[in-house]
């Protein structure tokens, strides 16, 4: 099964969806969600440099394998 995901503009409570030429199905299931606002945030150069420094100075023992701790978070 192929899926098509599009963000379309709602005009007068209506949607217009154009399907590709190779979409041959007689019926299609449509699920509509409102588009969530995207959070656009900036990370300052100072914060980026701090993160880079911490990664550079990290030691292997500072990290824990995801498989070892995933049970705590799932």
N, C-alpha and C. Protein backbone atom coordinates (compact mmCIF):
# COMPACT_ATOMS: atom_id res chain seq x y z
N UNK A 1 0.84 -1.18 0.00
CA UNK A 1 0.00 0.00 0.00
C UNK A 1 0.88 1.24 0.00
N UNK A 2 0.56 2.18 -0.83
CA UNK A 2 1.25 3.46 -0.84
C UNK A 2 0.38 4.49 -0.16
N UNK A 3 1.01 5.40 0.53
CA UNK A 3 0.26 6.47 1.19
C UNK A 3 0.72 7.80 0.63
N UNK A 4 -0.18 8.73 0.59
CA UNK A 4 0.13 10.09 0.15
C UNK A 4 -0.16 11.02 1.32
N UNK A 5 0.80 11.82 1.67
CA UNK A 5 0.58 12.78 2.75
C UNK A 5 0.76 14.17 2.17
N UNK A 6 -0.23 15.01 2.38
CA UNK A 6 -0.17 16.38 1.87
C UNK A 6 -0.67 17.33 2.94
N UNK A 7 -0.13 18.51 2.94
CA UNK A 7 -0.68 19.60 3.74
C UNK A 7 -1.41 20.48 2.73
N UNK A 8 -2.72 20.62 2.90
CA UNK A 8 -3.52 21.41 1.95
C UNK A 8 -4.22 22.53 2.68
N UNK A 9 -4.50 23.58 1.95
CA UNK A 9 -5.17 24.75 2.51
C UNK A 9 -6.68 24.52 2.53
N UNK A 10 -7.29 24.89 3.64
CA UNK A 10 -8.75 24.80 3.75
C UNK A 10 -9.33 26.13 3.30
N UNK A 11 -10.23 26.09 2.32
CA UNK A 11 -10.88 27.30 1.82
C UNK A 11 -12.38 27.11 1.91
N UNK A 12 -13.04 27.98 2.65
CA UNK A 12 -14.50 27.90 2.80
C UNK A 12 -14.95 26.51 3.25
N UNK A 13 -14.23 25.96 4.21
CA UNK A 13 -14.54 24.65 4.78
C UNK A 13 -14.47 23.52 3.74
N UNK A 14 -13.63 23.68 2.72
CA UNK A 14 -13.47 22.66 1.69
C UNK A 14 -11.99 22.40 1.44
N UNK A 15 -11.69 21.16 1.03
CA UNK A 15 -10.34 20.77 0.66
C UNK A 15 -10.34 20.34 -0.80
N UNK A 16 -9.26 20.61 -1.48
CA UNK A 16 -9.08 20.13 -2.85
C UNK A 16 -7.78 19.34 -2.88
N UNK A 17 -7.88 18.05 -3.21
CA UNK A 17 -6.71 17.18 -3.23
C UNK A 17 -6.54 16.63 -4.63
N UNK A 18 -5.40 16.88 -5.21
CA UNK A 18 -5.11 16.34 -6.54
C UNK A 18 -4.24 15.11 -6.38
N UNK A 19 -4.69 14.01 -6.97
CA UNK A 19 -3.97 12.74 -6.85
C UNK A 19 -3.05 12.55 -8.04
N UNK A 20 -1.95 11.81 -7.83
CA UNK A 20 -1.03 11.56 -8.94
C UNK A 20 -1.67 10.70 -10.03
N UNK A 21 -1.15 10.78 -11.24
CA UNK A 21 -1.70 10.05 -12.39
C UNK A 21 -1.75 8.55 -12.14
N UNK A 22 -0.77 8.03 -11.40
CA UNK A 22 -0.70 6.57 -11.20
C UNK A 22 -1.60 6.08 -10.05
N UNK A 23 -2.42 6.95 -9.48
CA UNK A 23 -3.36 6.53 -8.42
C UNK A 23 -4.60 5.97 -9.10
N UNK A 24 -4.68 4.64 -9.14
CA UNK A 24 -5.74 3.97 -9.91
C UNK A 24 -6.89 3.44 -9.07
N UNK A 25 -6.86 3.64 -7.78
CA UNK A 25 -7.90 3.07 -6.91
C UNK A 25 -9.25 3.73 -7.19
N UNK A 26 -10.30 2.95 -7.03
CA UNK A 26 -11.65 3.46 -7.22
C UNK A 26 -12.13 4.26 -6.00
N UNK A 27 -11.64 3.86 -4.82
CA UNK A 27 -11.98 4.55 -3.58
C UNK A 27 -10.70 4.88 -2.82
N UNK A 28 -10.77 5.87 -1.96
CA UNK A 28 -9.63 6.24 -1.12
C UNK A 28 -10.16 6.57 0.27
N UNK A 29 -9.39 6.19 1.27
CA UNK A 29 -9.73 6.53 2.64
C UNK A 29 -9.06 7.85 2.98
N UNK A 30 -9.81 8.77 3.53
CA UNK A 30 -9.28 10.09 3.84
C UNK A 30 -9.40 10.31 5.35
N UNK A 31 -8.30 10.66 5.97
CA UNK A 31 -8.28 10.99 7.40
C UNK A 31 -7.78 12.42 7.51
N UNK A 32 -8.50 13.25 8.21
CA UNK A 32 -8.16 14.67 8.27
C UNK A 32 -7.80 15.06 9.70
N UNK A 33 -6.63 15.64 9.85
CA UNK A 33 -6.17 16.19 11.12
C UNK A 33 -5.88 17.67 10.91
N UNK A 34 -6.14 18.51 11.89
CA UNK A 34 -5.70 19.89 11.74
C UNK A 34 -4.17 19.94 11.81
N UNK A 35 -3.58 20.78 11.01
CA UNK A 35 -2.13 20.90 11.01
C UNK A 35 -1.70 21.62 12.27
N UNK A 36 -0.81 20.98 13.00
CA UNK A 36 -0.28 21.59 14.22
C UNK A 36 0.69 22.71 13.85
N UNK A 37 0.68 23.73 14.65
CA UNK A 37 1.64 24.81 14.43
C UNK A 37 3.04 24.28 14.67
N UNK A 38 3.94 24.64 13.82
CA UNK A 38 5.32 24.22 13.99
C UNK A 38 6.01 25.16 14.96
N UNK A 39 6.75 24.55 15.86
CA UNK A 39 7.51 25.35 16.81
C UNK A 39 8.83 25.72 16.14
N UNK A 40 9.02 26.97 15.96
CA UNK A 40 10.24 27.45 15.34
C UNK A 40 11.04 28.16 16.42
N UNK A 41 12.12 27.54 16.83
CA UNK A 41 12.91 28.16 17.88
C UNK A 41 14.36 28.22 17.43
N UNK A 42 15.05 29.13 18.00
CA UNK A 42 16.45 29.34 17.65
C UNK A 42 17.34 28.90 18.80
N UNK A 43 18.46 28.32 18.47
CA UNK A 43 19.48 27.99 19.47
C UNK A 43 20.63 28.95 19.21
N UNK A 44 21.01 29.66 20.24
CA UNK A 44 22.07 30.66 20.08
C UNK A 44 23.40 29.97 19.78
N UNK A 45 24.30 30.70 19.19
CA UNK A 45 25.64 30.18 18.89
C UNK A 45 26.35 29.77 20.17
N UNK A 46 26.11 30.50 21.24
CA UNK A 46 26.72 30.17 22.53
C UNK A 46 26.24 28.80 23.02
N UNK A 47 24.93 28.54 22.89
CA UNK A 47 24.39 27.24 23.29
C UNK A 47 24.91 26.12 22.40
N UNK A 48 25.02 26.38 21.10
CA UNK A 48 25.55 25.38 20.17
C UNK A 48 26.98 25.03 20.53
N UNK A 49 27.77 26.04 20.82
CA UNK A 49 29.18 25.81 21.16
C UNK A 49 29.30 25.03 22.46
N UNK A 50 28.44 25.33 23.43
CA UNK A 50 28.44 24.60 24.69
C UNK A 50 28.14 23.12 24.44
N UNK A 51 27.16 22.82 23.58
CA UNK A 51 26.83 21.43 23.26
C UNK A 51 27.99 20.75 22.54
N UNK A 52 28.62 21.45 21.60
CA UNK A 52 29.75 20.89 20.87
C UNK A 52 30.89 20.55 21.84
N UNK A 53 31.14 21.45 22.77
CA UNK A 53 32.21 21.24 23.75
C UNK A 53 31.92 20.02 24.62
N UNK A 54 30.67 19.88 25.05
CA UNK A 54 30.31 18.73 25.88
C UNK A 54 30.46 17.42 25.12
N UNK A 55 30.13 17.42 23.84
CA UNK A 55 30.29 16.21 23.03
C UNK A 55 31.78 15.90 22.85
N UNK A 56 32.57 16.93 22.59
CA UNK A 56 34.03 16.72 22.43
C UNK A 56 34.65 16.15 23.69
N UNK A 57 34.20 16.59 24.85
CA UNK A 57 34.80 16.17 26.12
C UNK A 57 34.14 14.93 26.72
N UNK A 58 33.17 14.35 26.04
CA UNK A 58 32.47 13.19 26.57
C UNK A 58 33.37 11.96 26.52
N UNK A 59 33.17 11.08 27.49
CA UNK A 59 33.90 9.82 27.55
C UNK A 59 32.90 8.69 27.30
N UNK A 60 33.34 7.59 26.76
CA UNK A 60 32.41 6.47 26.49
C UNK A 60 31.62 6.06 27.73
N UNK A 61 32.23 6.13 28.90
CA UNK A 61 31.51 5.72 30.12
C UNK A 61 30.41 6.70 30.52
N UNK A 62 30.37 7.87 29.87
CA UNK A 62 29.30 8.83 30.13
C UNK A 62 27.98 8.42 29.46
N UNK A 63 28.04 7.45 28.56
CA UNK A 63 26.87 7.05 27.80
C UNK A 63 26.37 5.68 28.25
N UNK A 64 25.05 5.49 28.14
CA UNK A 64 24.42 4.22 28.47
C UNK A 64 23.67 3.77 27.22
N UNK A 65 23.79 2.50 26.90
CA UNK A 65 23.11 1.97 25.72
C UNK A 65 21.60 2.09 25.89
N UNK A 66 20.92 2.48 24.82
CA UNK A 66 19.47 2.63 24.85
C UNK A 66 18.80 1.32 25.26
N UNK A 67 19.29 0.20 24.76
CA UNK A 67 18.69 -1.10 25.09
C UNK A 67 18.73 -1.38 26.59
N UNK A 68 19.72 -0.84 27.26
CA UNK A 68 19.86 -1.08 28.70
C UNK A 68 18.85 -0.27 29.52
N UNK A 69 18.36 0.86 28.99
CA UNK A 69 17.49 1.72 29.79
C UNK A 69 16.11 1.94 29.20
N UNK A 70 15.83 1.41 28.02
CA UNK A 70 14.57 1.73 27.35
C UNK A 70 13.35 1.31 28.14
N UNK A 71 13.45 0.27 28.97
CA UNK A 71 12.33 -0.16 29.78
C UNK A 71 11.85 0.92 30.73
N UNK A 72 12.74 1.80 31.14
CA UNK A 72 12.38 2.90 32.04
C UNK A 72 11.53 3.96 31.36
N UNK A 73 11.62 4.04 30.03
CA UNK A 73 10.98 5.14 29.31
C UNK A 73 9.83 4.71 28.42
N UNK A 74 9.66 3.42 28.23
CA UNK A 74 8.58 2.94 27.36
C UNK A 74 7.45 2.38 28.16
